[in-house]
Amino acid sequence: MGRLDGKVAFITGVARGQGRSHAKFGVTGLMEVMAKELGRHHIRVNSVNPTCVDTHMIQNPVVYGLFKPDLPDPTREDVTDAFAVTHLLPVPWIEPRDVSEAILWLVADTGRYVTGARIPVDASFILQ
C-alpha cells in the first residue's frame, strides 16, 4: 500500500493522496503561524500527528481492501502484517491511548514551553 495512509503527510507528501496531503500541510502551516502570532500572549499551539490508530477509521473492510486487494474479504488478521511494515517499530497500529498521552503531556506543565511543534506519534512511520 505504501504511504497512502497520510496521517503524517504534514511532513512529507503522499503519492495518491494529494488532497489529504494538501489538507495536512495546510493545518500544519496554520498551527505554525498561530504559534508565532500567539506565543507572546502565552498561548501555545502544537499538533499531534499519529500514524494508524486502532479505531474504526482503519479497522474496516474498505481499508482492509486497500492493504490486501488480492483477497476478496480481508480481515483484521489478514492486514496486520501489511500495516506493520509501514513502521520501523514492529507494530501494525497504535492505541488511542498513545495519542491521548501525547496530548496530555503537551497540555500539562511538562509541555509548558513547547509551542509550534509537530509531535509525531507514529512508530517511526515518517522514517519509512
N, C-alpha and C. Protein backbone atom coordinates (compact mmCIF):
# COMPACT_ATOMS: atom_id res chain seq x y z
N MET A 1 0.81 -1.18 0.00
CA MET A 1 0.00 0.00 0.00
C MET A 1 0.85 1.24 0.00
N GLY A 2 2.06 1.17 0.49
CA GLY A 2 2.93 2.34 0.50
C GLY A 2 2.49 3.36 1.53
N ARG A 3 2.50 4.65 1.15
CA ARG A 3 2.24 5.72 2.09
C ARG A 3 0.87 6.35 1.87
N LEU A 4 -0.11 5.58 1.46
CA LEU A 4 -1.45 6.10 1.21
C LEU A 4 -2.09 6.62 2.49
N ASP A 5 -1.70 6.08 3.63
CA ASP A 5 -2.29 6.47 4.90
C ASP A 5 -2.30 7.98 5.10
N GLY A 6 -1.14 8.62 5.04
CA GLY A 6 -1.06 10.07 5.02
C GLY A 6 -1.27 10.78 6.34
N LYS A 7 -1.39 10.08 7.46
CA LYS A 7 -1.59 10.78 8.72
C LYS A 7 -0.40 11.66 9.06
N VAL A 8 0.75 11.33 8.56
CA VAL A 8 1.92 12.17 8.78
C VAL A 8 2.28 12.91 7.50
N ALA A 9 1.32 13.05 6.62
CA ALA A 9 1.55 13.75 5.36
C ALA A 9 1.80 15.24 5.58
N PHE A 10 1.73 15.69 6.81
CA PHE A 10 2.05 17.08 7.11
C PHE A 10 3.52 17.35 6.90
N ILE A 11 4.36 16.33 6.90
CA ILE A 11 5.80 16.50 6.72
C ILE A 11 6.22 16.09 5.33
N THR A 12 5.72 14.98 4.85
CA THR A 12 6.10 14.52 3.52
C THR A 12 4.85 14.30 2.69
N GLY A 13 4.92 14.61 1.42
CA GLY A 13 3.80 14.36 0.54
C GLY A 13 3.53 12.87 0.39
N VAL A 14 2.31 12.55 0.01
CA VAL A 14 1.91 11.16 -0.10
C VAL A 14 1.39 10.90 -1.51
N ALA A 15 1.98 9.93 -2.20
CA ALA A 15 1.50 9.57 -3.53
C ALA A 15 0.05 9.13 -3.44
N ARG A 16 -0.74 9.49 -4.41
CA ARG A 16 -2.17 9.16 -4.50
C ARG A 16 -2.95 9.75 -3.34
N GLY A 17 -2.40 10.72 -2.66
CA GLY A 17 -3.10 11.33 -1.54
C GLY A 17 -2.98 12.84 -1.58
N GLN A 18 -3.08 13.42 -2.79
CA GLN A 18 -2.84 14.85 -2.95
C GLN A 18 -3.78 15.68 -2.06
N GLY A 19 -5.05 15.38 -2.07
CA GLY A 19 -5.99 16.16 -1.26
C GLY A 19 -5.68 16.10 0.21
N ARG A 20 -5.43 14.91 0.68
CA ARG A 20 -5.11 14.74 2.10
C ARG A 20 -3.79 15.42 2.45
N SER A 21 -2.79 15.30 1.57
CA SER A 21 -1.51 15.95 1.83
C SER A 21 -1.67 17.46 1.88
N HIS A 22 -2.43 18.03 0.94
CA HIS A 22 -2.66 19.47 0.95
C HIS A 22 -3.32 19.89 2.26
N ALA A 23 -4.31 19.15 2.70
CA ALA A 23 -5.01 19.49 3.93
C ALA A 23 -4.07 19.43 5.13
N LYS A 24 -3.24 18.38 5.19
CA LYS A 24 -2.32 18.24 6.32
C LYS A 24 -1.27 19.35 6.33
N PHE A 25 -0.72 19.66 5.15
CA PHE A 25 0.23 20.76 5.07
C PHE A 25 -0.44 22.06 5.51
N GLY A 26 -1.69 22.27 5.11
CA GLY A 26 -2.42 23.47 5.50
C GLY A 26 -2.62 23.59 7.00
N VAL A 27 -3.01 22.50 7.62
CA VAL A 27 -3.21 22.51 9.07
C VAL A 27 -1.89 22.78 9.79
N THR A 28 -0.82 22.16 9.32
CA THR A 28 0.48 22.38 9.93
C THR A 28 0.93 23.82 9.75
N GLY A 29 0.74 24.37 8.57
CA GLY A 29 1.08 25.78 8.34
C GLY A 29 0.29 26.70 9.23
N LEU A 30 -1.00 26.43 9.38
CA LEU A 30 -1.85 27.24 10.26
C LEU A 30 -1.36 27.15 11.70
N MET A 31 -1.01 25.93 12.15
CA MET A 31 -0.51 25.75 13.51
C MET A 31 0.76 26.58 13.72
N GLU A 32 1.67 26.55 12.75
CA GLU A 32 2.93 27.29 12.91
C GLU A 32 2.69 28.80 12.96
N VAL A 33 1.82 29.29 12.09
CA VAL A 33 1.51 30.73 12.08
C VAL A 33 0.85 31.13 13.39
N MET A 34 -0.10 30.32 13.86
CA MET A 34 -0.77 30.64 15.12
C MET A 34 0.21 30.62 16.28
N ALA A 35 1.14 29.67 16.29
CA ALA A 35 2.15 29.62 17.36
C ALA A 35 2.98 30.89 17.35
N LYS A 36 3.37 31.35 16.17
CA LYS A 36 4.17 32.58 16.07
C LYS A 36 3.38 33.80 16.52
N GLU A 37 2.13 33.86 16.14
CA GLU A 37 1.32 35.03 16.48
C GLU A 37 0.86 35.05 17.93
N LEU A 38 0.63 33.89 18.51
CA LEU A 38 0.02 33.84 19.84
C LEU A 38 1.02 33.59 20.97
N GLY A 39 2.25 33.24 20.64
CA GLY A 39 3.25 32.94 21.67
C GLY A 39 3.45 34.09 22.64
N ARG A 40 3.49 35.31 22.13
CA ARG A 40 3.72 36.47 23.02
C ARG A 40 2.59 36.66 24.03
N HIS A 41 1.44 35.99 23.78
CA HIS A 41 0.31 36.05 24.71
C HIS A 41 0.27 34.81 25.61
N HIS A 42 1.35 34.06 25.62
CA HIS A 42 1.46 32.82 26.40
C HIS A 42 0.46 31.76 25.96
N ILE A 43 0.11 31.78 24.68
CA ILE A 43 -0.77 30.76 24.12
C ILE A 43 0.09 29.85 23.25
N ARG A 44 0.05 28.56 23.58
CA ARG A 44 0.85 27.58 22.84
C ARG A 44 -0.02 26.87 21.81
N VAL A 45 0.55 26.61 20.66
CA VAL A 45 -0.16 25.90 19.59
C VAL A 45 0.77 24.81 19.05
N ASN A 46 0.29 23.58 19.07
CA ASN A 46 1.06 22.43 18.61
C ASN A 46 0.16 21.51 17.82
N SER A 47 0.75 20.52 17.17
CA SER A 47 -0.07 19.48 16.53
C SER A 47 0.47 18.11 16.92
N VAL A 48 -0.44 17.19 17.10
CA VAL A 48 -0.09 15.80 17.36
C VAL A 48 -0.49 15.03 16.11
N ASN A 49 0.46 14.30 15.54
CA ASN A 49 0.26 13.66 14.25
C ASN A 49 0.51 12.16 14.36
N PRO A 50 -0.56 11.41 14.54
CA PRO A 50 -0.41 9.96 14.72
C PRO A 50 -0.32 9.21 13.41
N THR A 51 0.18 7.99 13.51
CA THR A 51 0.10 7.03 12.43
C THR A 51 -1.28 6.38 12.51
N CYS A 52 -1.41 5.19 12.01
CA CYS A 52 -2.68 4.47 12.09
C CYS A 52 -3.02 4.18 13.55
N VAL A 53 -4.22 4.55 13.94
CA VAL A 53 -4.69 4.34 15.30
C VAL A 53 -5.77 3.26 15.26
N ASP A 54 -5.72 2.36 16.21
CA ASP A 54 -6.64 1.22 16.25
C ASP A 54 -8.06 1.68 16.57
N THR A 55 -8.70 2.25 15.55
CA THR A 55 -10.09 2.72 15.65
C THR A 55 -10.84 2.25 14.40
N HIS A 56 -12.11 2.57 14.33
CA HIS A 56 -12.91 2.20 13.16
C HIS A 56 -12.43 2.89 11.88
N MET A 57 -11.68 3.97 12.02
CA MET A 57 -11.19 4.66 10.83
C MET A 57 -10.29 3.77 9.98
N ILE A 58 -9.52 2.89 10.63
CA ILE A 58 -8.67 1.97 9.86
C ILE A 58 -9.15 0.53 9.96
N GLN A 59 -9.91 0.23 10.97
CA GLN A 59 -10.37 -1.15 11.16
C GLN A 59 -11.73 -1.32 10.50
N ASN A 60 -11.71 -1.40 9.19
CA ASN A 60 -12.96 -1.57 8.44
C ASN A 60 -12.64 -2.25 7.11
N PRO A 61 -13.64 -2.85 6.48
CA PRO A 61 -13.41 -3.60 5.24
C PRO A 61 -12.81 -2.77 4.10
N VAL A 62 -13.16 -1.50 3.99
CA VAL A 62 -12.63 -0.67 2.91
C VAL A 62 -11.11 -0.52 3.04
N VAL A 63 -10.64 -0.20 4.23
CA VAL A 63 -9.19 -0.05 4.45
C VAL A 63 -8.50 -1.40 4.31
N TYR A 64 -9.10 -2.45 4.83
CA TYR A 64 -8.51 -3.77 4.67
C TYR A 64 -8.30 -4.08 3.19
N GLY A 65 -9.27 -3.72 2.36
CA GLY A 65 -9.16 -3.94 0.92
C GLY A 65 -8.02 -3.17 0.29
N LEU A 66 -7.72 -1.99 0.81
CA LEU A 66 -6.58 -1.21 0.29
C LEU A 66 -5.26 -1.90 0.59
N PHE A 67 -5.19 -2.54 1.75
CA PHE A 67 -3.96 -3.22 2.15
C PHE A 67 -3.82 -4.61 1.52
N LYS A 68 -4.95 -5.24 1.27
CA LYS A 68 -4.93 -6.60 0.70
C LYS A 68 -5.93 -6.69 -0.46
N PRO A 69 -5.65 -5.99 -1.57
CA PRO A 69 -6.60 -6.00 -2.69
C PRO A 69 -6.72 -7.37 -3.37
N ASP A 70 -5.77 -8.25 -3.10
CA ASP A 70 -5.80 -9.59 -3.70
C ASP A 70 -6.78 -10.53 -3.01
N LEU A 71 -7.27 -10.16 -1.82
CA LEU A 71 -8.21 -11.00 -1.08
C LEU A 71 -9.63 -10.46 -1.26
N PRO A 72 -10.61 -11.35 -1.44
CA PRO A 72 -11.99 -10.87 -1.64
C PRO A 72 -12.59 -10.20 -0.39
N ASP A 73 -12.34 -10.74 0.78
CA ASP A 73 -12.87 -10.18 2.02
C ASP A 73 -11.80 -10.22 3.11
N PRO A 74 -10.78 -9.36 3.03
CA PRO A 74 -9.71 -9.41 4.02
C PRO A 74 -10.22 -9.06 5.42
N THR A 75 -9.58 -9.65 6.42
CA THR A 75 -9.93 -9.42 7.82
C THR A 75 -8.81 -8.65 8.51
N ARG A 76 -9.05 -8.28 9.74
CA ARG A 76 -8.04 -7.61 10.56
C ARG A 76 -6.76 -8.44 10.61
N GLU A 77 -6.92 -9.73 10.81
CA GLU A 77 -5.75 -10.62 10.88
C GLU A 77 -4.99 -10.64 9.56
N ASP A 78 -5.71 -10.55 8.44
CA ASP A 78 -5.06 -10.57 7.13
C ASP A 78 -4.18 -9.34 6.90
N VAL A 79 -4.54 -8.21 7.47
CA VAL A 79 -3.82 -6.96 7.19
C VAL A 79 -2.80 -6.57 8.24
N THR A 80 -2.75 -7.28 9.34
CA THR A 80 -1.85 -6.91 10.43
C THR A 80 -0.41 -6.77 9.97
N ASP A 81 0.10 -7.74 9.26
CA ASP A 81 1.49 -7.68 8.79
C ASP A 81 1.69 -6.54 7.79
N ALA A 82 0.71 -6.29 6.94
CA ALA A 82 0.81 -5.21 5.95
C ALA A 82 0.86 -3.85 6.65
N PHE A 83 0.09 -3.67 7.70
CA PHE A 83 0.16 -2.43 8.47
C PHE A 83 1.52 -2.31 9.15
N ALA A 84 2.01 -3.40 9.71
CA ALA A 84 3.26 -3.38 10.48
C ALA A 84 4.46 -2.94 9.65
N VAL A 85 4.50 -3.28 8.39
CA VAL A 85 5.67 -2.92 7.58
C VAL A 85 5.72 -1.43 7.27
N THR A 86 4.68 -0.68 7.60
CA THR A 86 4.71 0.77 7.38
C THR A 86 5.45 1.50 8.50
N HIS A 87 5.85 0.79 9.54
CA HIS A 87 6.52 1.38 10.70
C HIS A 87 7.90 0.76 10.90
N LEU A 88 8.81 1.54 11.46
CA LEU A 88 10.10 0.97 11.87
C LEU A 88 9.93 0.15 13.14
N LEU A 89 9.12 0.64 14.07
CA LEU A 89 8.82 -0.15 15.25
C LEU A 89 7.86 -1.26 14.83
N PRO A 90 8.03 -2.47 15.33
CA PRO A 90 7.26 -3.61 14.84
C PRO A 90 5.84 -3.68 15.40
N VAL A 91 5.02 -2.68 15.04
CA VAL A 91 3.62 -2.66 15.45
C VAL A 91 2.77 -2.30 14.23
N PRO A 92 1.58 -2.87 14.13
CA PRO A 92 0.73 -2.55 12.99
C PRO A 92 0.01 -1.21 13.15
N TRP A 93 -0.30 -0.82 14.36
CA TRP A 93 -1.00 0.42 14.65
C TRP A 93 -0.76 0.78 16.10
N ILE A 94 -1.15 1.97 16.46
CA ILE A 94 -1.01 2.39 17.85
C ILE A 94 -2.40 2.45 18.48
N GLU A 95 -2.42 2.56 19.79
CA GLU A 95 -3.69 2.62 20.51
C GLU A 95 -4.11 4.08 20.70
N PRO A 96 -5.41 4.35 20.79
CA PRO A 96 -5.87 5.72 21.05
C PRO A 96 -5.20 6.33 22.28
N ARG A 97 -4.94 5.51 23.26
CA ARG A 97 -4.30 5.99 24.50
C ARG A 97 -2.93 6.62 24.23
N ASP A 98 -2.21 6.09 23.25
CA ASP A 98 -0.89 6.64 22.91
C ASP A 98 -1.01 8.09 22.44
N VAL A 99 -2.02 8.39 21.68
CA VAL A 99 -2.24 9.74 21.19
C VAL A 99 -2.70 10.63 22.35
N SER A 100 -3.61 10.12 23.16
CA SER A 100 -4.11 10.89 24.31
C SER A 100 -2.99 11.26 25.27
N GLU A 101 -2.07 10.33 25.50
CA GLU A 101 -0.97 10.61 26.43
C GLU A 101 -0.04 11.68 25.89
N ALA A 102 0.16 11.72 24.59
CA ALA A 102 0.98 12.79 23.99
C ALA A 102 0.30 14.14 24.19
N ILE A 103 -1.00 14.17 24.01
CA ILE A 103 -1.76 15.41 24.20
C ILE A 103 -1.72 15.83 25.66
N LEU A 104 -1.90 14.87 26.56
CA LEU A 104 -1.84 15.20 28.00
C LEU A 104 -0.47 15.76 28.38
N TRP A 105 0.59 15.22 27.80
CA TRP A 105 1.93 15.73 28.07
C TRP A 105 2.03 17.19 27.61
N LEU A 106 1.48 17.49 26.45
CA LEU A 106 1.55 18.86 25.94
C LEU A 106 0.76 19.85 26.79
N VAL A 107 -0.41 19.45 27.25
CA VAL A 107 -1.25 20.40 27.99
C VAL A 107 -0.90 20.50 29.47
N ALA A 108 -0.10 19.56 29.97
CA ALA A 108 0.33 19.60 31.37
C ALA A 108 1.53 20.54 31.50
N ASP A 109 1.96 20.76 32.71
CA ASP A 109 3.14 21.59 32.96
C ASP A 109 4.37 21.06 32.23
N THR A 110 4.41 19.76 31.96
CA THR A 110 5.58 19.18 31.27
C THR A 110 5.78 19.77 29.88
N GLY A 111 4.71 20.24 29.27
CA GLY A 111 4.82 20.81 27.93
C GLY A 111 4.68 22.31 27.89
N ARG A 112 4.85 22.96 29.02
CA ARG A 112 4.56 24.39 29.11
C ARG A 112 5.43 25.28 28.23
N TYR A 113 6.57 24.78 27.80
CA TYR A 113 7.44 25.58 26.93
C TYR A 113 7.52 25.02 25.51
N VAL A 114 6.57 24.18 25.18
CA VAL A 114 6.53 23.60 23.84
C VAL A 114 5.46 24.32 23.03
N THR A 115 5.87 24.94 21.95
CA THR A 115 4.91 25.57 21.04
C THR A 115 5.46 25.53 19.62
N GLY A 116 4.56 25.44 18.67
CA GLY A 116 4.96 25.34 17.27
C GLY A 116 5.54 23.99 16.91
N ALA A 117 5.23 22.98 17.70
CA ALA A 117 5.83 21.65 17.50
C ALA A 117 4.87 20.70 16.79
N ARG A 118 5.45 19.88 15.96
CA ARG A 118 4.71 18.78 15.33
C ARG A 118 5.17 17.51 16.04
N ILE A 119 4.27 16.90 16.78
CA ILE A 119 4.61 15.73 17.58
C ILE A 119 4.13 14.47 16.83
N PRO A 120 5.04 13.74 16.19
CA PRO A 120 4.61 12.52 15.51
C PRO A 120 4.55 11.35 16.49
N VAL A 121 3.37 10.84 16.70
CA VAL A 121 3.18 9.63 17.49
C VAL A 121 2.93 8.54 16.44
N ASP A 122 4.03 8.07 15.84
CA ASP A 122 3.87 7.35 14.58
C ASP A 122 4.67 6.05 14.45
N ALA A 123 5.24 5.54 15.52
CA ALA A 123 6.01 4.30 15.45
C ALA A 123 7.07 4.37 14.35
N SER A 124 7.55 5.58 14.10
CA SER A 124 8.55 5.88 13.07
C SER A 124 8.05 5.66 11.65
N PHE A 125 6.74 5.85 11.45
CA PHE A 125 6.17 5.80 10.10
C PHE A 125 6.86 6.79 9.18
N ILE A 126 7.12 7.99 9.69
CA ILE A 126 7.68 9.06 8.87
C ILE A 126 9.08 8.70 8.35
N LEU A 127 9.79 7.84 9.06
CA LEU A 127 11.14 7.47 8.63
C LEU A 127 11.16 6.34 7.61
N GLN A 128 10.03 5.72 7.38
CA GLN A 128 9.97 4.62 6.39
C GLN A 128 10.10 5.15 4.99
